[in-house]
Amino acid sequence: MSDVKPLYELLQLELGKKNIEKTELPNCIAGNLNQVFPMRPYQQKAFQFFLNYWQEAFDGKPRQNHQLLFHMATGSGKTLMMAGLILYLYEQGFRNFLFFVNSKNIINKTRDNFLNAQSGKYLFAEGVSFGDKRVTVREVENFQAANQDDINIVFSTIQGLHMSLNTPRENSLTYDDFASSGESVGDFSRFPTWNSVGFDFYAWS
């Protein structure tokens, strides 16, 4: 049998279960999510594990290009987790986010969750703010012309992303976006068959 432990077990071993459970969610998450959707205990626990992963040093932690996977059941609030992580990562200096899946239907639903303040499933608070700074969550076609004061999101299918990167056209996402998009990009992908959400965070110096 493999001796490789799941990340949550490694964090509990390295940092202690009680210390993780004491972790408070920062206001950038709690204050900027739509209060119509109260956070479920397991979502709070997932955020606590993420915050400890991100903030603490431990053996085996990568120095950059972090790759994480949240394995969550259908209807358990994966999209809310994504919204909260985007908010936290914005405060950490990330501005540009790529969301890609295998289905246009999921993209349309997620657009509504992230961009349509009139939707009953809109996940952000009425005004997203960090201190005195108001921030807009917006969809962009690429990152090169994105406003670096905003939360910029490219939505794409896996097939569309492949075509954009390998058959470049005007205003589409290209490999240059990942070389000139500032210092970092957050990459969010959903795997409906596995009931999972993958998160990759890339940073360049």
C-alpha atoms as a PDB file:
ATOM      1  CA  MET A   1       0.000   0.000   0.000  1.00  0.00           C
ATOM      2  CA  SER A   2       1.084   3.559  -0.707  1.00  0.00           C
ATOM      3  CA  ASP A   3       2.456   5.626   2.177  1.00  0.00           C
ATOM      4  CA  VAL A   4       1.321   8.858   0.511  1.00  0.00           C
ATOM      5  CA  LYS A   5      -1.213  10.582   2.771  1.00  0.00           C
ATOM      6  CA  PRO A   6      -4.103  12.734   1.531  1.00  0.00           C
ATOM      7  CA  LEU A   7      -3.313  16.422   1.969  1.00  0.00           C
ATOM      8  CA  TYR A   8      -5.882  16.928   4.730  1.00  0.00           C
ATOM      9  CA  GLU A   9      -4.273  14.146   6.773  1.00  0.00           C
ATOM     10  CA  LEU A  10      -0.830  15.627   6.226  1.00  0.00           C
ATOM     11  CA  LEU A  11      -2.061  19.045   7.377  1.00  0.00           C
ATOM     12  CA  GLN A  12      -3.651  17.555  10.499  1.00  0.00           C
ATOM     13  CA  LEU A  13      -0.427  15.696  11.254  1.00  0.00           C
ATOM     14  CA  GLU A  14       1.807  18.718  10.673  1.00  0.00           C
ATOM     15  CA  LEU A  15      -0.354  21.518  12.105  1.00  0.00           C
ATOM     16  CA  GLY A  16      -2.792  19.778  14.440  1.00  0.00           C
ATOM     17  CA  LYS A  17      -6.537  19.266  14.019  1.00  0.00           C
ATOM     18  CA  LYS A  18      -7.442  21.695  16.804  1.00  0.00           C
ATOM     19  CA  ASN A  19      -5.295  24.472  15.351  1.00  0.00           C
ATOM     20  CA  ILE A  20      -6.974  24.061  11.975  1.00  0.00           C
ATOM     21  CA  GLU A  21     -10.444  24.129  13.554  1.00  0.00           C
ATOM     22  CA  LYS A  22      -9.588  27.405  15.342  1.00  0.00           C
ATOM     23  CA  THR A  23      -8.798  29.152  12.061  1.00  0.00           C
ATOM     24  CA  GLU A  24     -11.139  32.077  11.461  1.00  0.00           C
ATOM     25  CA  LEU A  25     -12.302  32.903   7.966  1.00  0.00           C
ATOM     26  CA  PRO A  26     -11.016  36.323   6.899  1.00  0.00           C
ATOM     27  CA  ASN A  27     -13.503  39.084   6.155  1.00  0.00           C
ATOM     28  CA  CYS A  28     -12.516  39.072   2.489  1.00  0.00           C
ATOM     29  CA  ILE A  29     -14.368  35.736   2.294  1.00  0.00           C
ATOM     30  CA  ALA A  30     -17.076  36.008   4.962  1.00  0.00           C
ATOM     31  CA  GLY A  31     -17.927  39.641   4.180  1.00  0.00           C
ATOM     32  CA  ASN A  32     -17.994  39.353   0.396  1.00  0.00           C
ATOM     33  CA  LEU A  33     -20.125  36.250  -0.083  1.00  0.00           C
ATOM     34  CA  ASN A  34     -23.894  36.529  -0.436  1.00  0.00           C
ATOM     35  CA  GLN A  35     -25.370  36.061   3.053  1.00  0.00           C
ATOM     36  CA  VAL A  36     -28.457  34.444   1.517  1.00  0.00           C
ATOM     37  CA  PHE A  37     -26.322  31.308   1.317  1.00  0.00           C
ATOM     38  CA  PRO A  38     -25.154  30.467   4.848  1.00  0.00           C
ATOM     39  CA  MET A  39     -21.899  28.593   4.880  1.00  0.00           C
ATOM     40  CA  ARG A  40     -22.246  24.916   5.683  1.00  0.00           C
ATOM     41  CA  PRO A  41     -19.966  23.401   8.344  1.00  0.00           C
ATOM     42  CA  TYR A  42     -18.041  21.259   5.847  1.00  0.00           C
ATOM     43  CA  GLN A  43     -17.496  24.289   3.575  1.00  0.00           C
ATOM     44  CA  GLN A  44     -16.064  26.231   6.504  1.00  0.00           C
ATOM     45  CA  LYS A  45     -13.844  23.252   7.300  1.00  0.00           C
ATOM     46  CA  ALA A  46     -12.645  23.120   3.681  1.00  0.00           C
ATOM     47  CA  PHE A  47     -11.771  26.828   3.815  1.00  0.00           C
ATOM     48  CA  GLN A  48      -9.922  26.282   7.094  1.00  0.00           C
ATOM     49  CA  PHE A  49      -7.820  23.524   5.552  1.00  0.00           C
ATOM     50  CA  PHE A  50      -7.104  25.692   2.523  1.00  0.00           C
ATOM     51  CA  LEU A  51      -6.087  28.705   4.633  1.00  0.00           C
ATOM     52  CA  ASN A  52      -3.687  26.584   6.669  1.00  0.00           C
ATOM     53  CA  TYR A  53      -2.277  25.038   3.513  1.00  0.00           C
ATOM     54  CA  TRP A  54      -1.726  28.472   2.010  1.00  0.00           C
ATOM     55  CA  GLN A  55      -0.421  30.308   5.069  1.00  0.00           C
ATOM     56  CA  GLU A  56       1.649  27.734   6.930  1.00  0.00           C
ATOM     57  CA  ALA A  57       4.950  26.044   6.169  1.00  0.00           C
ATOM     58  CA  PHE A  58       5.123  22.251   6.314  1.00  0.00           C
ATOM     59  CA  ASP A  59       7.182  19.424   4.857  1.00  0.00           C
ATOM     60  CA  GLY A  60       6.261  18.641   1.270  1.00  0.00           C
ATOM     61  CA  LYS A  61       4.588  21.965   0.511  1.00  0.00           C
ATOM     62  CA  PRO A  62       5.435  23.216  -3.029  1.00  0.00           C
ATOM     63  CA  ARG A  63       7.030  26.650  -3.250  1.00  0.00           C
ATOM     64  CA  GLN A  64       4.841  27.689  -6.189  1.00  0.00           C
ATOM     65  CA  ASN A  65       2.415  26.351  -8.819  1.00  0.00           C
ATOM     66  CA  HIS A  66       0.064  24.893  -6.213  1.00  0.00           C
ATOM     67  CA  GLN A  67      -2.400  22.219  -7.345  1.00  0.00           C
ATOM     68  CA  LEU A  68      -5.349  21.272  -5.127  1.00  0.00           C
ATOM     69  CA  LEU A  69      -8.458  19.148  -5.546  1.00  0.00           C
ATOM     70  CA  PHE A  70     -11.659  19.439  -3.494  1.00  0.00           C
ATOM     71  CA  HIS A  71     -13.714  16.237  -3.706  1.00  0.00           C
ATOM     72  CA  MET A  72     -17.308  17.300  -2.995  1.00  0.00           C
ATOM     73  CA  ALA A  73     -20.690  15.719  -3.694  1.00  0.00           C
ATOM     74  CA  THR A  74     -23.206  17.064  -6.220  1.00  0.00           C
ATOM     75  CA  GLY A  75     -25.117  19.993  -4.697  1.00  0.00           C
ATOM     76  CA  SER A  76     -22.618  20.482  -1.874  1.00  0.00           C
ATOM     77  CA  GLY A  77     -21.610  24.010  -2.875  1.00  0.00           C
ATOM     78  CA  LYS A  78     -18.490  23.671  -5.021  1.00  0.00           C
ATOM     79  CA  THR A  79     -19.204  26.959  -6.805  1.00  0.00           C
ATOM     80  CA  LEU A  80     -19.464  28.812  -3.484  1.00  0.00           C
ATOM     81  CA  MET A  81     -16.055  27.403  -2.590  1.00  0.00           C
ATOM     82  CA  MET A  82     -14.674  28.764  -5.847  1.00  0.00           C
ATOM     83  CA  ALA A  83     -16.171  32.194  -5.168  1.00  0.00           C
ATOM     84  CA  GLY A  84     -14.647  32.292  -1.689  1.00  0.00           C
ATOM     85  CA  LEU A  85     -11.239  31.185  -2.917  1.00  0.00           C
ATOM     86  CA  ILE A  86     -11.264  33.806  -5.682  1.00  0.00           C
ATOM     87  CA  LEU A  87     -11.959  36.475  -3.049  1.00  0.00           C
ATOM     88  CA  TYR A  88      -9.141  35.270  -0.829  1.00  0.00           C
ATOM     89  CA  LEU A  89      -6.675  34.962  -3.689  1.00  0.00           C
ATOM     90  CA  TYR A  90      -7.559  38.455  -4.899  1.00  0.00           C
ATOM     91  CA  GLU A  91      -6.455  39.773  -1.512  1.00  0.00           C
ATOM     92  CA  GLN A  92      -3.242  37.760  -1.923  1.00  0.00           C
ATOM     93  CA  GLY A  93      -2.483  39.546  -5.208  1.00  0.00           C
ATOM     94  CA  PHE A  94      -4.141  37.321  -7.807  1.00  0.00           C
ATOM     95  CA  ARG A  95      -6.261  39.208 -10.351  1.00  0.00           C
ATOM     96  CA  ASN A  96      -6.836  36.840 -13.253  1.00  0.00           C
ATOM     97  CA  PHE A  97      -8.796  33.591 -13.099  1.00  0.00           C
ATOM     98  CA  LEU A  98      -9.483  30.904 -15.684  1.00  0.00           C
ATOM     99  CA  PHE A  99     -12.582  28.728 -15.253  1.00  0.00           C
ATOM    100  CA  PHE A 100     -12.897  25.789 -17.624  1.00  0.00           C
ATOM    101  CA  VAL A 101     -15.161  22.747 -17.810  1.00  0.00           C
ATOM    102  CA  ASN A 102     -16.369  20.254 -20.411  1.00  0.00           C
ATOM    103  CA  SER A 103     -19.898  21.684 -20.707  1.00  0.00           C
ATOM    104  CA  LYS A 104     -21.305  25.010 -21.899  1.00  0.00           C
ATOM    105  CA  ASN A 105     -24.306  24.418 -19.644  1.00  0.00           C
ATOM    106  CA  ILE A 106     -22.073  24.520 -16.547  1.00  0.00           C
ATOM    107  CA  ILE A 107     -20.361  27.646 -17.874  1.00  0.00           C
ATOM    108  CA  ASN A 108     -23.699  29.429 -18.293  1.00  0.00           C
ATOM    109  CA  LYS A 109     -24.789  28.496 -14.777  1.00  0.00           C
ATOM    110  CA  THR A 110     -21.462  29.620 -13.311  1.00  0.00           C
ATOM    111  CA  ARG A 111     -21.585  32.912 -15.228  1.00  0.00           C
ATOM    112  CA  ASP A 112     -24.951  33.556 -13.600  1.00  0.00           C
ATOM    113  CA  ASN A 113     -23.554  32.668 -10.168  1.00  0.00           C
ATOM    114  CA  PHE A 114     -20.573  35.001 -10.570  1.00  0.00           C
ATOM    115  CA  LEU A 115     -21.764  37.872 -12.753  1.00  0.00           C
ATOM    116  CA  ASN A 116     -25.541  38.329 -12.603  1.00  0.00           C
ATOM    117  CA  ALA A 117     -26.417  40.258  -9.439  1.00  0.00           C
ATOM    118  CA  GLN A 118     -30.142  39.880 -10.290  1.00  0.00           C
ATOM    119  CA  SER A 119     -29.938  36.099 -10.181  1.00  0.00           C
ATOM    120  CA  GLY A 120     -31.317  34.285  -7.157  1.00  0.00           C
ATOM    121  CA  LYS A 121     -28.121  32.213  -7.153  1.00  0.00           C
ATOM    122  CA  TYR A 122     -25.644  35.127  -7.296  1.00  0.00           C
ATOM    123  CA  LEU A 123     -22.851  34.208  -4.883  1.00  0.00           C
ATOM    124  CA  PHE A 124     -21.189  37.533  -4.108  1.00  0.00           C
ATOM    125  CA  ALA A 125     -22.335  40.266  -1.741  1.00  0.00           C
ATOM    126  CA  GLU A 126     -24.061  43.314  -3.208  1.00  0.00           C
ATOM    127  CA  GLY A 127     -20.802  45.246  -3.092  1.00  0.00           C
ATOM    128  CA  VAL A 128     -17.499  43.367  -3.148  1.00  0.00           C
ATOM    129  CA  SER A 129     -14.919  45.364  -1.237  1.00  0.00           C
ATOM    130  CA  PHE A 130     -11.467  45.001   0.254  1.00  0.00           C
ATOM    131  CA  GLY A 131     -11.061  47.663   2.907  1.00  0.00           C
ATOM    132  CA  ASP A 132     -12.181  50.909   1.277  1.00  0.00           C
ATOM    133  CA  LYS A 133     -11.672  49.527  -2.238  1.00  0.00           C
ATOM    134  CA  ARG A 134     -14.716  48.436  -4.246  1.00  0.00           C
ATOM    135  CA  VAL A 135     -13.989  45.692  -6.746  1.00  0.00           C
ATOM    136  CA  THR A 136     -15.872  44.521  -9.830  1.00  0.00           C
ATOM    137  CA  VAL A 137     -16.139  40.866 -10.816  1.00  0.00           C
ATOM    138  CA  ARG A 138     -16.070  40.801 -14.595  1.00  0.00           C
ATOM    139  CA  GLU A 139     -15.769  38.418 -17.512  1.00  0.00           C
ATOM    140  CA  VAL A 140     -12.897  39.022 -19.925  1.00  0.00           C
ATOM    141  CA  GLU A 141     -11.845  37.367 -23.188  1.00  0.00           C
ATOM    142  CA  ASN A 142      -8.156  37.456 -22.287  1.00  0.00           C
ATOM    143  CA  PHE A 143      -5.910  38.824 -19.542  1.00  0.00           C
ATOM    144  CA  GLN A 144      -3.642  41.165 -21.476  1.00  0.00           C
ATOM    145  CA  ALA A 145      -6.119  44.060 -21.479  1.00  0.00           C
ATOM    146  CA  ALA A 146      -7.775  43.203 -18.140  1.00  0.00           C
ATOM    147  CA  ASN A 147      -8.183  45.852 -15.453  1.00  0.00           C
ATOM    148  CA  GLN A 148      -5.831  44.841 -12.664  1.00  0.00           C
ATOM    149  CA  ASP A 149      -8.082  46.448 -10.044  1.00  0.00           C
ATOM    150  CA  ASP A 150     -10.848  43.966 -10.905  1.00  0.00           C
ATOM    151  CA  ILE A 151     -11.448  40.249 -10.513  1.00  0.00           C
ATOM    152  CA  ASN A 152     -11.059  39.087 -14.125  1.00  0.00           C
ATOM    153  CA  ILE A 153     -12.470  35.721 -15.178  1.00  0.00           C
ATOM    154  CA  VAL A 154     -12.180  33.880 -18.498  1.00  0.00           C
ATOM    155  CA  PHE A 155     -14.873  31.192 -18.903  1.00  0.00           C
ATOM    156  CA  SER A 156     -14.160  28.417 -21.381  1.00  0.00           C
ATOM    157  CA  THR A 157     -14.902  24.833 -22.258  1.00  0.00           C
ATOM    158  CA  ILE A 158     -11.924  22.481 -22.359  1.00  0.00           C
ATOM    159  CA  GLN A 159     -12.335  22.193 -26.127  1.00  0.00           C
ATOM    160  CA  GLY A 160     -12.600  25.962 -26.538  1.00  0.00           C
ATOM    161  CA  LEU A 161      -9.511  26.520 -24.409  1.00  0.00           C
ATOM    162  CA  HIS A 162      -7.529  24.056 -26.521  1.00  0.00           C
ATOM    163  CA  MET A 163      -8.585  25.830 -29.728  1.00  0.00           C
ATOM    164  CA  SER A 164      -7.852  29.301 -28.326  1.00  0.00           C
ATOM    165  CA  LEU A 165      -4.356  28.350 -27.230  1.00  0.00           C
ATOM    166  CA  ASN A 166      -3.385  26.370 -30.309  1.00  0.00           C
ATOM    167  CA  THR A 167      -5.261  28.319 -33.008  1.00  0.00           C
ATOM    168  CA  PRO A 168      -4.901  31.942 -31.861  1.00  0.00           C
ATOM    169  CA  ARG A 169      -7.363  34.558 -33.077  1.00  0.00           C
ATOM    170  CA  GLU A 170      -7.978  38.198 -32.258  1.00  0.00           C
ATOM    171  CA  ASN A 171      -8.934  38.854 -28.611  1.00  0.00           C
ATOM    172  CA  SER A 172      -8.828  35.172 -27.682  1.00  0.00           C
ATOM    173  CA  LEU A 173      -6.858  33.710 -24.812  1.00  0.00           C
ATOM    174  CA  THR A 174      -3.317  32.780 -25.868  1.00  0.00           C
ATOM    175  CA  TYR A 175      -0.163  31.458 -24.247  1.00  0.00           C
ATOM    176  CA  ASP A 176       1.005  35.082 -24.023  1.00  0.00           C
ATOM    177  CA  ASP A 177      -1.726  35.738 -21.463  1.00  0.00           C
ATOM    178  CA  PHE A 178       0.025  33.398 -19.062  1.00  0.00           C
ATOM    179  CA  ALA A 179       3.356  35.075 -19.638  1.00  0.00           C
ATOM    180  CA  SER A 180       2.159  38.672 -19.363  1.00  0.00           C
ATOM    181  CA  SER A 181      -0.858  38.558 -17.069  1.00  0.00           C
ATOM    182  CA  GLY A 182       0.993  40.100 -14.162  1.00  0.00           C
ATOM    183  CA  GLU A 183       2.408  37.701 -11.623  1.00  0.00           C
ATOM    184  CA  SER A 184      -0.276  35.086 -11.162  1.00  0.00           C
ATOM    185  CA  VAL A 185      -3.262  33.238 -12.554  1.00  0.00           C
ATOM    186  CA  GLY A 186      -5.783  31.110 -10.700  1.00  0.00           C
ATOM    187  CA  ASP A 187      -7.076  28.173 -12.724  1.00  0.00           C
ATOM    188  CA  PHE A 188     -10.379  26.569 -11.695  1.00  0.00           C
ATOM    189  CA  SER A 189     -11.749  23.445 -13.333  1.00  0.00           C
ATOM    190  CA  ARG A 190     -14.745  21.288 -12.506  1.00  0.00           C
ATOM    191  CA  PHE A 191     -15.010  17.553 -13.047  1.00  0.00           C
ATOM    192  CA  PRO A 192     -18.720  16.639 -12.757  1.00  0.00           C
ATOM    193  CA  THR A 193     -18.119  12.912 -13.211  1.00  0.00           C
ATOM    194  CA  TRP A 194     -15.778  12.899 -10.209  1.00  0.00           C
ATOM    195  CA  ASN A 195     -17.834  15.404  -8.156  1.00  0.00           C
ATOM    196  CA  SER A 196     -14.656  17.416  -7.807  1.00  0.00           C
ATOM    197  CA  VAL A 197     -13.241  20.876  -8.325  1.00  0.00           C
ATOM    198  CA  GLY A 198      -9.591  21.333  -9.212  1.00  0.00           C
ATOM    199  CA  PHE A 199      -7.627  24.447  -8.375  1.00  0.00           C
ATOM    200  CA  ASP A 200      -4.243  25.333  -9.840  1.00  0.00           C
ATOM    201  CA  PHE A 201      -2.446  28.542  -8.840  1.00  0.00           C
ATOM    202  CA  TYR A 202       0.436  29.692 -10.973  1.00  0.00           C
ATOM    203  CA  ALA A 203       2.787  32.549 -10.162  1.00  0.00           C
ATOM    204  CA  TRP A 204       5.709  34.043 -12.028  1.00  0.00           C
ATOM    205  CA  SER A 205       8.470  36.161 -10.567  1.00  0.00           C
END
